[in-house]
Amino acid sequence: MMNFMPWISIAILIYTGYLLIKRSQTHMTLLLSGLAMLFLAISFGVTNFLPKDVKPSGFVVFDIFDLLRSIGTKQVSGIGFLIMAAGGFAAYVDTIGAAKALVDFCIKPLRRLSQPYLILVLGYLIGTALVIVIPSAAGLAMLLLVALFPILVGVGVSPAAAAAVIGTTACIGFAPAAGTANLAAKTAGVEPVIYLVHYQLPVALCVIASVAIAHYFVQKYYDKKNDDIYSQTQTIEAPEESRAPKWYAIFPILPVILMIIFSKLVYAKIQLNTVSALLLVWVLVVLIELIRFRDAKKVFKEAMQFFKKMGAMFASIVALIICAEFFAAGLKATGVVALLIQSANGLGLGMGGMTTVLTVIVGAVTFLTGSGVGAFSSFAALAPDVAASFGGDPAAIVSPMQIASGIFRAMSPVAGVVIAVAGAVGISPMALVRRTTVPMIVAFVVTMIANWLFFIV
């Protein structure tokens, strides 16, 4: 009878996917699916699903909720707090105009060039670099629509081509700012800055270069074809001129600089924690704002954006990670993970093959739901067990999964960033996806090849 349990769980998994595709609320769908699988495991006599540091309550039903409590406590006090702090810091530097100052500083050199598709490629490269400090795909896209879009259209690039580049700038979410990257680092058991330098950058640089080249030819081809159907373009209004001085552009990247300096990469005698770096720079900027404006009421009100965004990040991302890990615990308890590993061994897939399978699953779910965070967080917790079974590095599995969640989001017609950018330039999401699909497929193929060469072979 135990042999039937994983297959029943797979049926629950498939139904969960169906509900997500139908736009069911992601958090509660994953939570209740995990609950169903854990009750299934109990009905088959499985009781050892608690973490090693959690003692059984004596009643197995209570143990399920002890598991949920344990996951929530661990996430909120660990990676969850890091994600919330990163989101809060990003919101604050955006509120005071420092994020816009950084975007303006990076975009300014493009105004001097006159080669349309070279500017297009450089715009993509600049936008991708900005993801390190502006992790929100939609937030960065809105900034680039104001700062970069007029430049690209002004030199002769079509609005659709400019939109395709802007919509794909955040296809790779970098640590330590992006929530998925921080979760990947935690899952792999490394510091976010080490994950960024050792695991993300080698693959990301290959991907970025290939996507830039693909954009050059794909957008040039479609511009010559000139068959995009435009509707009434929404007015992209420039925000009020930033009150922040130009030198404020340093603040969004200062935590990353400090973390790299005070780490094993540069000066190992002093270690600066990610959250500590974010808090340090936040307090520093608040003090500078007080000196500039001498208006404590105004400055403190803006400083509260840090905490307000932390709360929003808990509701949107950290709570999702908690529900997704609970869902993954159900997959483990019912034997689905063990079945996957056995099947991989039986087919001779090995570490590389299993990595490809999990990455494709994350990509497919992202494409169908438009949510990279939901797809990645649902399956990220499986990576350590899979890696352990093959004697491999968890980062080699979790890194392409994390990158794929951003890649497939950029070519999903139901993704928020795709819908927002398409609407802003007056084309349909499907017309935008037509221009992003080839570059993103190239990105996925290069991701898998580079990850294989760097970390698996």
Protein backbone atom coordinates (compact mmCIF):
# COMPACT_ATOMS: atom_id res chain seq x y z
CA MET A 1 0.00 0.00 0.00
CA MET A 2 2.87 2.40 0.72
CA ASN A 3 3.79 2.25 -2.97
CA PHE A 4 0.53 4.02 -3.81
CA MET A 5 1.16 6.98 -1.50
CA PRO A 6 3.60 8.90 -3.78
CA TRP A 7 1.26 8.51 -6.75
CA ILE A 8 -1.70 9.88 -4.80
CA SER A 9 0.53 12.76 -3.76
CA ILE A 10 1.49 13.37 -7.40
CA ALA A 11 -2.22 13.61 -8.21
CA ILE A 12 -2.52 16.27 -5.49
CA LEU A 13 0.54 17.99 -6.98
CA ILE A 14 -1.04 18.05 -10.46
CA TYR A 15 -4.30 19.41 -9.06
CA THR A 16 -2.33 22.08 -7.20
CA GLY A 17 -0.71 23.10 -10.47
CA TYR A 18 -4.14 23.26 -12.11
CA LEU A 19 -5.42 25.56 -9.35
CA LEU A 20 -2.38 27.84 -9.71
CA ILE A 21 -2.87 28.06 -13.47
CA LYS A 22 -6.49 29.04 -12.80
CA ARG A 23 -5.13 31.93 -10.69
CA SER A 24 -6.08 30.48 -7.34
CA GLN A 25 -4.47 32.34 -4.41
CA THR A 26 -0.94 30.93 -4.33
CA HIS A 27 -0.23 31.06 -0.59
CA MET A 28 -3.37 29.23 0.51
CA THR A 29 -3.27 26.77 -2.39
CA LEU A 30 0.23 25.62 -1.44
CA LEU A 31 -0.58 25.59 2.28
CA LEU A 32 -3.71 23.46 1.92
CA SER A 33 -2.05 21.13 -0.61
CA GLY A 34 0.80 20.58 1.83
CA LEU A 35 -1.72 19.92 4.58
CA ALA A 36 -3.53 17.37 2.41
CA MET A 37 -0.30 15.53 1.64
CA LEU A 38 0.75 15.45 5.29
CA PHE A 39 -2.63 13.99 6.30
CA LEU A 40 -2.16 11.48 3.48
CA ALA A 41 1.24 10.54 4.91
CA ILE A 42 -0.27 10.10 8.38
CA SER A 43 -3.01 7.86 6.99
CA PHE A 44 -0.27 5.60 5.59
CA GLY A 45 1.50 5.51 8.96
CA VAL A 46 4.21 8.13 8.34
CA THR A 47 4.99 10.11 11.50
CA ASN A 48 8.64 11.15 11.13
CA PHE A 49 8.10 14.35 9.13
CA LEU A 50 9.22 16.78 11.85
CA PRO A 51 12.65 18.49 11.64
CA LYS A 52 15.32 16.99 13.90
CA ASP A 53 15.23 19.96 16.29
CA VAL A 54 11.45 19.72 16.87
CA LYS A 55 10.20 17.22 19.46
CA PRO A 56 6.96 15.32 18.73
CA SER A 57 3.96 16.60 20.70
CA GLY A 58 2.59 13.14 21.36
CA PHE A 59 -0.33 13.61 18.98
CA VAL A 60 0.55 13.36 15.30
CA VAL A 61 -2.08 15.88 14.14
CA PHE A 62 -0.58 18.51 16.43
CA ASP A 63 2.80 17.66 14.92
CA ILE A 64 1.62 18.94 11.54
CA PHE A 65 1.04 22.39 12.99
CA ASP A 66 4.26 22.20 14.98
CA LEU A 67 5.93 21.68 11.61
CA LEU A 68 4.22 24.78 10.22
CA ARG A 69 5.22 26.76 13.33
CA SER A 70 8.81 25.56 13.02
CA ILE A 71 9.00 26.56 9.35
CA GLY A 72 7.48 29.98 10.05
CA THR A 73 9.80 30.67 12.98
CA LYS A 74 12.86 29.63 10.99
CA GLN A 75 11.94 31.70 7.94
CA VAL A 76 10.94 34.88 9.79
CA SER A 77 14.08 34.87 11.93
CA GLY A 78 16.39 33.90 9.07
CA ILE A 79 16.02 34.32 5.33
CA GLY A 80 12.59 35.91 5.73
CA PHE A 81 13.97 38.81 7.76
CA LEU A 82 16.73 39.27 5.19
CA ILE A 83 14.19 39.46 2.36
CA MET A 84 12.06 41.91 4.32
CA ALA A 85 15.08 44.10 5.12
CA ALA A 86 16.21 44.10 1.47
CA GLY A 87 12.71 45.08 0.34
CA GLY A 88 12.48 47.79 2.98
CA PHE A 89 15.84 49.26 2.00
CA ALA A 90 14.91 49.24 -1.71
CA ALA A 91 11.64 51.03 -0.94
CA TYR A 92 13.42 53.68 1.16
CA VAL A 93 16.11 54.56 -1.40
CA ASP A 94 13.34 54.77 -3.99
CA THR A 95 11.30 57.10 -1.76
CA ILE A 96 14.15 59.57 -1.25
CA GLY A 97 15.08 59.58 -4.94
CA ALA A 98 18.37 57.69 -4.62
CA ALA A 99 17.21 54.86 -6.90
CA LYS A 100 16.23 57.33 -9.62
CA ALA A 101 19.55 59.13 -9.19
CA LEU A 102 21.35 55.83 -9.82
CA VAL A 103 19.22 55.08 -12.91
CA ASP A 104 19.81 58.58 -14.31
CA PHE A 105 23.54 58.26 -13.71
CA CYS A 106 23.70 54.94 -15.54
CA ILE A 107 21.48 55.98 -18.45
CA LYS A 108 23.12 59.38 -19.08
CA PRO A 109 26.01 58.10 -21.30
CA LEU A 110 23.51 56.57 -23.75
CA ARG A 111 22.26 60.02 -24.76
CA ARG A 112 25.57 60.67 -26.52
CA LEU A 113 25.34 57.67 -28.86
CA SER A 114 23.51 57.49 -32.17
CA GLN A 115 23.52 53.76 -33.04
CA PRO A 116 19.94 52.56 -32.32
CA TYR A 117 20.52 48.86 -31.73
CA LEU A 118 23.84 49.38 -29.97
CA ILE A 119 21.99 51.69 -27.56
CA LEU A 120 19.32 49.00 -27.25
CA VAL A 121 21.93 46.45 -26.19
CA LEU A 122 23.68 48.85 -23.82
CA GLY A 123 20.33 49.75 -22.31
CA TYR A 124 19.68 46.08 -21.61
CA LEU A 125 23.12 45.68 -19.99
CA ILE A 126 22.59 48.73 -17.79
CA GLY A 127 19.12 47.59 -16.79
CA THR A 128 20.40 44.14 -15.88
CA ALA A 129 23.17 45.64 -13.74
CA LEU A 130 20.59 47.77 -11.91
CA VAL A 131 18.74 44.61 -10.83
CA ILE A 132 21.46 44.09 -8.22
CA VAL A 133 20.12 47.13 -6.32
CA ILE A 134 16.56 47.47 -7.70
CA PRO A 135 15.23 43.89 -7.45
CA SER A 136 11.57 44.47 -8.33
CA ALA A 137 11.00 43.57 -11.98
CA ALA A 138 7.96 45.85 -12.24
CA GLY A 139 9.60 48.64 -10.23
CA LEU A 140 12.74 48.65 -12.35
CA ALA A 141 10.67 48.47 -15.54
CA MET A 142 8.71 51.58 -14.55
CA LEU A 143 11.92 53.50 -13.87
CA LEU A 144 13.38 52.41 -17.21
CA LEU A 145 10.17 53.31 -19.06
CA VAL A 146 10.68 56.88 -17.85
CA ALA A 147 14.47 57.11 -18.20
CA LEU A 148 15.45 54.69 -21.00
CA PHE A 149 12.36 54.30 -23.18
CA PRO A 150 12.42 57.89 -24.61
CA ILE A 151 16.11 57.52 -25.51
CA LEU A 152 15.56 54.26 -27.39
CA VAL A 153 12.52 55.51 -29.29
CA GLY A 154 14.26 58.79 -29.99
CA VAL A 155 17.15 57.11 -31.84
CA GLY A 156 14.84 55.04 -34.04
CA VAL A 157 14.10 51.86 -32.10
CA SER A 158 10.42 50.85 -32.13
CA PRO A 159 8.42 51.15 -28.90
CA ALA A 160 7.88 47.38 -28.97
CA ALA A 161 11.64 46.68 -29.19
CA ALA A 162 12.33 49.07 -26.32
CA ALA A 163 9.57 47.41 -24.29
CA ALA A 164 11.03 43.93 -24.95
CA VAL A 165 14.42 44.99 -23.62
CA ILE A 166 12.94 46.74 -20.59
CA GLY A 167 10.68 43.77 -19.81
CA THR A 168 13.61 41.34 -19.75
CA THR A 169 16.14 43.37 -17.72
CA ALA A 170 15.12 41.60 -14.50
CA CYS A 171 15.25 38.08 -15.93
CA ILE A 172 18.06 37.32 -13.46
CA GLY A 173 17.40 38.30 -9.86
CA PHE A 174 20.71 38.93 -8.12
CA ALA A 175 21.65 38.49 -4.47
CA PRO A 176 21.57 40.15 -2.03
CA ALA A 177 18.56 42.23 -3.12
CA ALA A 178 16.25 39.72 -4.84
CA GLY A 179 14.08 37.52 -2.67
CA THR A 180 14.49 34.43 -4.86
CA ALA A 181 18.28 34.84 -4.86
CA ASN A 182 18.37 35.12 -1.06
CA LEU A 183 16.21 32.02 -0.77
CA ALA A 184 18.52 30.21 -3.19
CA ALA A 185 21.56 31.20 -1.14
CA LYS A 186 19.93 30.00 2.07
CA THR A 187 18.88 26.73 0.43
CA ALA A 188 22.41 26.21 -0.86
CA GLY A 189 23.84 26.99 2.59
CA VAL A 190 26.01 29.97 1.57
CA GLU A 191 26.06 33.70 2.30
CA PRO A 192 24.15 35.81 -0.27
CA VAL A 193 27.27 37.70 -1.37
CA ILE A 194 29.15 34.41 -1.85
CA TYR A 195 26.20 33.05 -3.82
CA LEU A 196 26.29 36.19 -5.97
CA VAL A 197 30.01 36.09 -6.74
CA HIS A 198 30.74 32.35 -6.87
CA TYR A 199 27.50 30.89 -8.23
CA GLN A 200 25.43 33.58 -9.94
CA LEU A 201 27.96 35.73 -11.76
CA PRO A 202 29.78 32.99 -13.75
CA VAL A 203 26.48 31.80 -15.22
CA ALA A 204 24.82 35.22 -15.33
CA LEU A 205 27.61 36.86 -17.34
CA CYS A 206 27.25 34.19 -20.02
CA VAL A 207 23.47 34.58 -20.02
CA ILE A 208 23.54 38.38 -20.13
CA ALA A 209 25.97 38.42 -23.05
CA SER A 210 23.89 35.90 -25.03
CA VAL A 211 20.61 37.74 -24.35
CA ALA A 212 22.16 41.08 -25.39
CA ILE A 213 23.25 39.57 -28.71
CA ALA A 214 19.86 37.90 -29.19
CA HIS A 215 18.04 41.16 -28.51
CA TYR A 216 20.18 42.93 -31.12
CA PHE A 217 19.14 40.57 -33.92
CA VAL A 218 15.60 39.71 -32.78
CA GLN A 219 14.48 43.30 -32.23
CA LYS A 220 16.13 44.45 -35.46
CA TYR A 221 14.33 41.67 -37.34
CA TYR A 222 10.90 42.51 -35.91
CA ASP A 223 11.44 46.24 -36.45
CA LYS A 224 12.09 45.56 -40.14
CA LYS A 225 9.02 43.33 -40.25
CA ASN A 226 7.08 46.19 -38.62
CA ASP A 227 3.85 44.27 -38.03
CA ASP A 228 3.26 45.10 -34.38
CA ILE A 229 -0.32 46.22 -33.74
CA TYR A 230 -0.36 49.31 -31.53
CA SER A 231 -3.28 50.53 -29.50
CA GLN A 232 -3.59 53.84 -27.69
CA THR A 233 -0.29 54.24 -25.88
CA GLN A 234 -0.60 55.18 -22.27
CA THR A 235 1.13 58.39 -21.36
CA ILE A 236 4.37 57.59 -19.60
CA GLU A 237 4.62 60.53 -17.30
CA ALA A 238 7.99 61.41 -15.89
CA PRO A 239 7.90 61.68 -12.13
CA GLU A 240 8.68 64.95 -10.44
CA GLU A 241 12.32 65.85 -10.69
CA SER A 242 14.18 63.98 -8.01
CA ARG A 243 15.12 66.16 -5.09
CA ALA A 244 18.04 63.87 -4.41
CA PRO A 245 21.49 65.15 -5.44
CA LYS A 246 23.42 63.12 -8.00
CA TRP A 247 25.80 61.69 -5.40
CA TYR A 248 22.85 59.90 -3.76
CA ALA A 249 23.31 57.33 -6.54
CA ILE A 250 25.94 55.66 -4.33
CA PHE A 251 23.47 54.73 -1.59
CA PRO A 252 21.59 51.89 -3.35
CA ILE A 253 24.86 50.09 -4.14
CA LEU A 254 26.69 50.92 -0.90
CA PRO A 255 25.44 47.83 1.04
CA VAL A 256 26.68 45.54 -1.76
CA ILE A 257 30.06 47.27 -1.80
CA LEU A 258 30.42 46.95 1.97
CA MET A 259 29.39 43.29 1.97
CA ILE A 260 31.93 42.43 -0.72
CA ILE A 261 34.72 44.30 1.09
CA PHE A 262 33.97 42.80 4.50
CA SER A 263 33.67 39.17 3.44
CA LYS A 264 35.83 36.18 2.63
CA LEU A 265 36.25 37.66 -0.83
CA VAL A 266 38.31 40.70 0.26
CA TYR A 267 38.86 41.25 4.00
CA ALA A 268 38.00 38.06 5.86
CA LYS A 269 38.94 39.36 9.34
CA ILE A 270 35.73 41.37 9.45
CA GLN A 271 32.44 39.86 8.30
CA LEU A 272 29.47 42.14 7.57
CA ASN A 273 26.07 40.44 7.60
CA THR A 274 23.66 41.32 4.79
CA VAL A 275 20.91 42.62 7.07
CA SER A 276 23.44 44.56 9.14
CA ALA A 277 24.78 46.22 5.99
CA LEU A 278 21.28 47.24 4.91
CA LEU A 279 20.43 48.61 8.35
CA LEU A 280 23.76 50.43 8.61
CA VAL A 281 23.33 52.25 5.30
CA TRP A 282 19.66 52.97 6.02
CA VAL A 283 20.51 54.67 9.34
CA LEU A 284 23.40 56.51 7.67
CA VAL A 285 21.10 57.89 4.94
CA VAL A 286 18.47 58.90 7.51
CA LEU A 287 21.12 60.90 9.38
CA ILE A 288 22.28 62.55 6.16
CA GLU A 289 18.67 63.42 5.32
CA LEU A 290 18.26 65.00 8.76
CA ILE A 291 21.33 67.15 8.16
CA ARG A 292 20.10 68.16 4.68
CA PHE A 293 16.51 69.03 5.56
CA ARG A 294 16.54 69.73 9.31
CA ASP A 295 12.97 68.47 9.35
CA ALA A 296 12.71 65.41 11.58
CA LYS A 297 8.99 64.91 10.93
CA LYS A 298 9.45 64.70 7.17
CA VAL A 299 12.61 62.57 7.30
CA PHE A 300 11.21 60.12 9.85
CA LYS A 301 8.00 59.71 7.85
CA GLU A 302 10.04 58.72 4.78
CA ALA A 303 12.27 56.48 6.91
CA MET A 304 9.15 54.54 7.94
CA GLN A 305 8.90 53.29 4.35
CA PHE A 306 11.58 50.79 5.38
CA PHE A 307 9.28 49.16 7.95
CA LYS A 308 6.11 49.50 5.86
CA LYS A 309 7.73 47.70 2.96
CA MET A 310 9.05 45.02 5.33
CA GLY A 311 5.45 44.25 6.25
CA ALA A 312 4.43 44.14 2.61
CA MET A 313 7.35 41.82 1.83
CA PHE A 314 6.24 39.46 4.59
CA ALA A 315 2.74 39.24 3.16
CA SER A 316 3.82 38.80 -0.45
CA ILE A 317 7.07 36.82 -0.36
CA VAL A 318 8.01 35.53 3.11
CA ALA A 319 4.55 34.09 3.79
CA LEU A 320 4.70 32.47 0.34
CA ILE A 321 8.06 30.86 1.18
CA ILE A 322 6.60 29.51 4.44
CA CYS A 323 3.62 28.00 2.61
CA ALA A 324 5.87 26.65 -0.15
CA GLU A 325 8.22 24.95 2.33
CA PHE A 326 5.22 23.40 4.08
CA PHE A 327 4.08 22.18 0.64
CA ALA A 328 7.57 20.73 0.01
CA ALA A 329 7.45 18.99 3.40
CA GLY A 330 4.29 17.24 2.20
CA LEU A 331 6.07 16.12 -0.97
CA LYS A 332 8.90 14.68 1.11
CA ALA A 333 6.64 12.98 3.66
CA THR A 334 4.61 11.23 0.97
CA GLY A 335 7.70 9.94 -0.81
CA VAL A 336 7.48 12.04 -3.99
CA VAL A 337 11.06 13.31 -3.64
CA ALA A 338 12.37 9.78 -3.05
CA LEU A 339 10.40 8.60 -6.10
CA LEU A 340 11.92 11.35 -8.24
CA ILE A 341 15.43 10.41 -7.14
CA GLN A 342 14.83 6.70 -7.74
CA SER A 343 13.38 7.44 -11.18
CA ALA A 344 16.37 9.64 -12.03
CA ASN A 345 18.75 6.88 -10.99
CA GLY A 346 16.77 4.32 -12.95
CA LEU A 347 16.87 6.46 -16.10
CA GLY A 348 20.54 7.27 -15.58
CA LEU A 349 19.81 11.02 -15.38
CA GLY A 350 22.30 11.75 -12.62
CA MET A 351 22.86 15.17 -11.06
CA GLY A 352 22.72 17.06 -14.36
CA GLY A 353 19.56 15.37 -15.56
CA MET A 354 17.75 15.91 -12.27
CA THR A 355 18.79 19.56 -12.28
CA THR A 356 17.31 19.91 -15.76
CA VAL A 357 14.05 18.25 -14.73
CA LEU A 358 13.55 20.50 -11.68
CA THR A 359 14.55 23.61 -13.63
CA VAL A 360 12.09 22.82 -16.43
CA ILE A 361 9.33 22.27 -13.87
CA VAL A 362 10.01 25.66 -12.25
CA GLY A 363 10.13 27.30 -15.68
CA ALA A 364 6.87 25.71 -16.81
CA VAL A 365 5.01 26.71 -13.63
CA THR A 366 6.39 30.25 -13.92
CA PHE A 367 5.29 30.55 -17.53
CA LEU A 368 1.78 29.30 -16.78
CA THR A 369 1.23 31.35 -13.62
CA GLY A 370 3.37 34.43 -14.30
CA SER A 371 4.89 34.17 -10.82
CA GLY A 372 8.57 33.31 -10.61
CA VAL A 373 8.62 33.64 -6.83
CA GLY A 374 5.77 31.19 -6.37
CA ALA A 375 7.21 28.60 -8.74
CA PHE A 376 10.75 28.74 -7.39
CA SER A 377 9.85 28.80 -3.70
CA SER A 378 7.56 25.79 -4.20
CA PHE A 379 10.42 23.53 -5.37
CA ALA A 380 13.59 25.14 -3.98
CA ALA A 381 13.41 23.14 -0.74
CA LEU A 382 13.81 19.90 -2.73
CA ALA A 383 17.30 20.84 -3.97
CA PRO A 384 19.35 19.84 -0.87
CA ASP A 385 17.84 16.35 -0.74
CA VAL A 386 18.36 15.81 -4.45
CA ALA A 387 21.94 17.09 -4.28
CA ALA A 388 22.71 14.88 -1.27
CA SER A 389 21.44 11.80 -3.06
CA PHE A 390 23.88 12.42 -5.92
CA GLY A 391 26.73 13.74 -3.77
CA GLY A 392 26.54 17.13 -5.48
CA ASP A 393 26.45 20.81 -4.54
CA PRO A 394 22.92 22.12 -3.76
CA ALA A 395 23.84 25.45 -5.38
CA ALA A 396 24.37 23.65 -8.70
CA ILE A 397 20.69 22.65 -8.62
CA VAL A 398 19.09 25.67 -7.01
CA SER A 399 20.91 28.32 -9.08
CA PRO A 400 19.48 27.39 -12.52
CA MET A 401 16.06 26.90 -10.91
CA GLN A 402 16.22 30.44 -9.54
CA ILE A 403 17.43 31.93 -12.83
CA ALA A 404 14.76 30.03 -14.79
CA SER A 405 12.03 31.55 -12.62
CA GLY A 406 13.02 35.00 -13.91
CA ILE A 407 13.61 33.92 -17.49
CA PHE A 408 10.20 32.29 -17.96
CA ARG A 409 8.44 35.19 -16.22
CA ALA A 410 9.80 37.53 -18.91
CA MET A 411 8.07 35.49 -21.64
CA SER A 412 4.82 34.77 -19.80
CA PRO A 413 1.86 36.79 -21.14
CA VAL A 414 0.23 36.68 -17.68
CA ALA A 415 3.25 38.01 -15.76
CA GLY A 416 2.68 41.36 -14.08
CA VAL A 417 5.78 43.00 -15.54
CA VAL A 418 4.88 41.90 -19.09
CA ILE A 419 1.33 43.20 -18.77
CA ALA A 420 2.48 46.52 -17.27
CA VAL A 421 5.18 47.21 -19.87
CA ALA A 422 3.00 46.14 -22.80
CA GLY A 423 0.20 48.39 -21.62
CA ALA A 424 2.54 51.33 -21.19
CA VAL A 425 3.75 51.21 -24.80
CA GLY A 426 0.40 50.32 -26.36
CA ILE A 427 0.84 46.72 -27.52
CA SER A 428 -0.71 43.48 -26.33
CA PRO A 429 1.15 41.22 -23.89
CA MET A 430 1.26 38.55 -26.63
CA ALA A 431 2.96 40.99 -29.03
CA LEU A 432 5.55 41.76 -26.35
CA VAL A 433 6.08 38.07 -25.55
CA ARG A 434 6.71 37.39 -29.24
CA ARG A 435 9.75 39.68 -28.99
CA THR A 436 11.00 38.33 -25.65
CA THR A 437 10.59 34.60 -26.29
CA VAL A 438 13.68 33.98 -28.45
CA PRO A 439 16.09 35.94 -26.18
CA MET A 440 14.68 34.16 -23.13
CA ILE A 441 14.92 30.70 -24.73
CA VAL A 442 18.55 31.53 -25.54
CA ALA A 443 18.96 32.59 -21.89
CA PHE A 444 17.56 29.28 -20.64
CA VAL A 445 19.77 27.15 -22.90
CA VAL A 446 22.88 29.12 -21.97
CA THR A 447 21.96 28.89 -18.27
CA MET A 448 21.81 25.10 -18.39
CA ILE A 449 25.03 24.76 -20.42
CA ALA A 450 26.98 27.23 -18.28
CA ASN A 451 25.75 25.68 -15.04
CA TRP A 452 26.73 22.23 -16.31
CA LEU A 453 30.22 23.39 -17.30
CA PHE A 454 30.91 25.44 -14.17
CA PHE A 455 29.35 23.33 -11.42
CA ILE A 456 28.39 19.81 -12.52
CA VAL A 457 31.04 18.47 -14.91
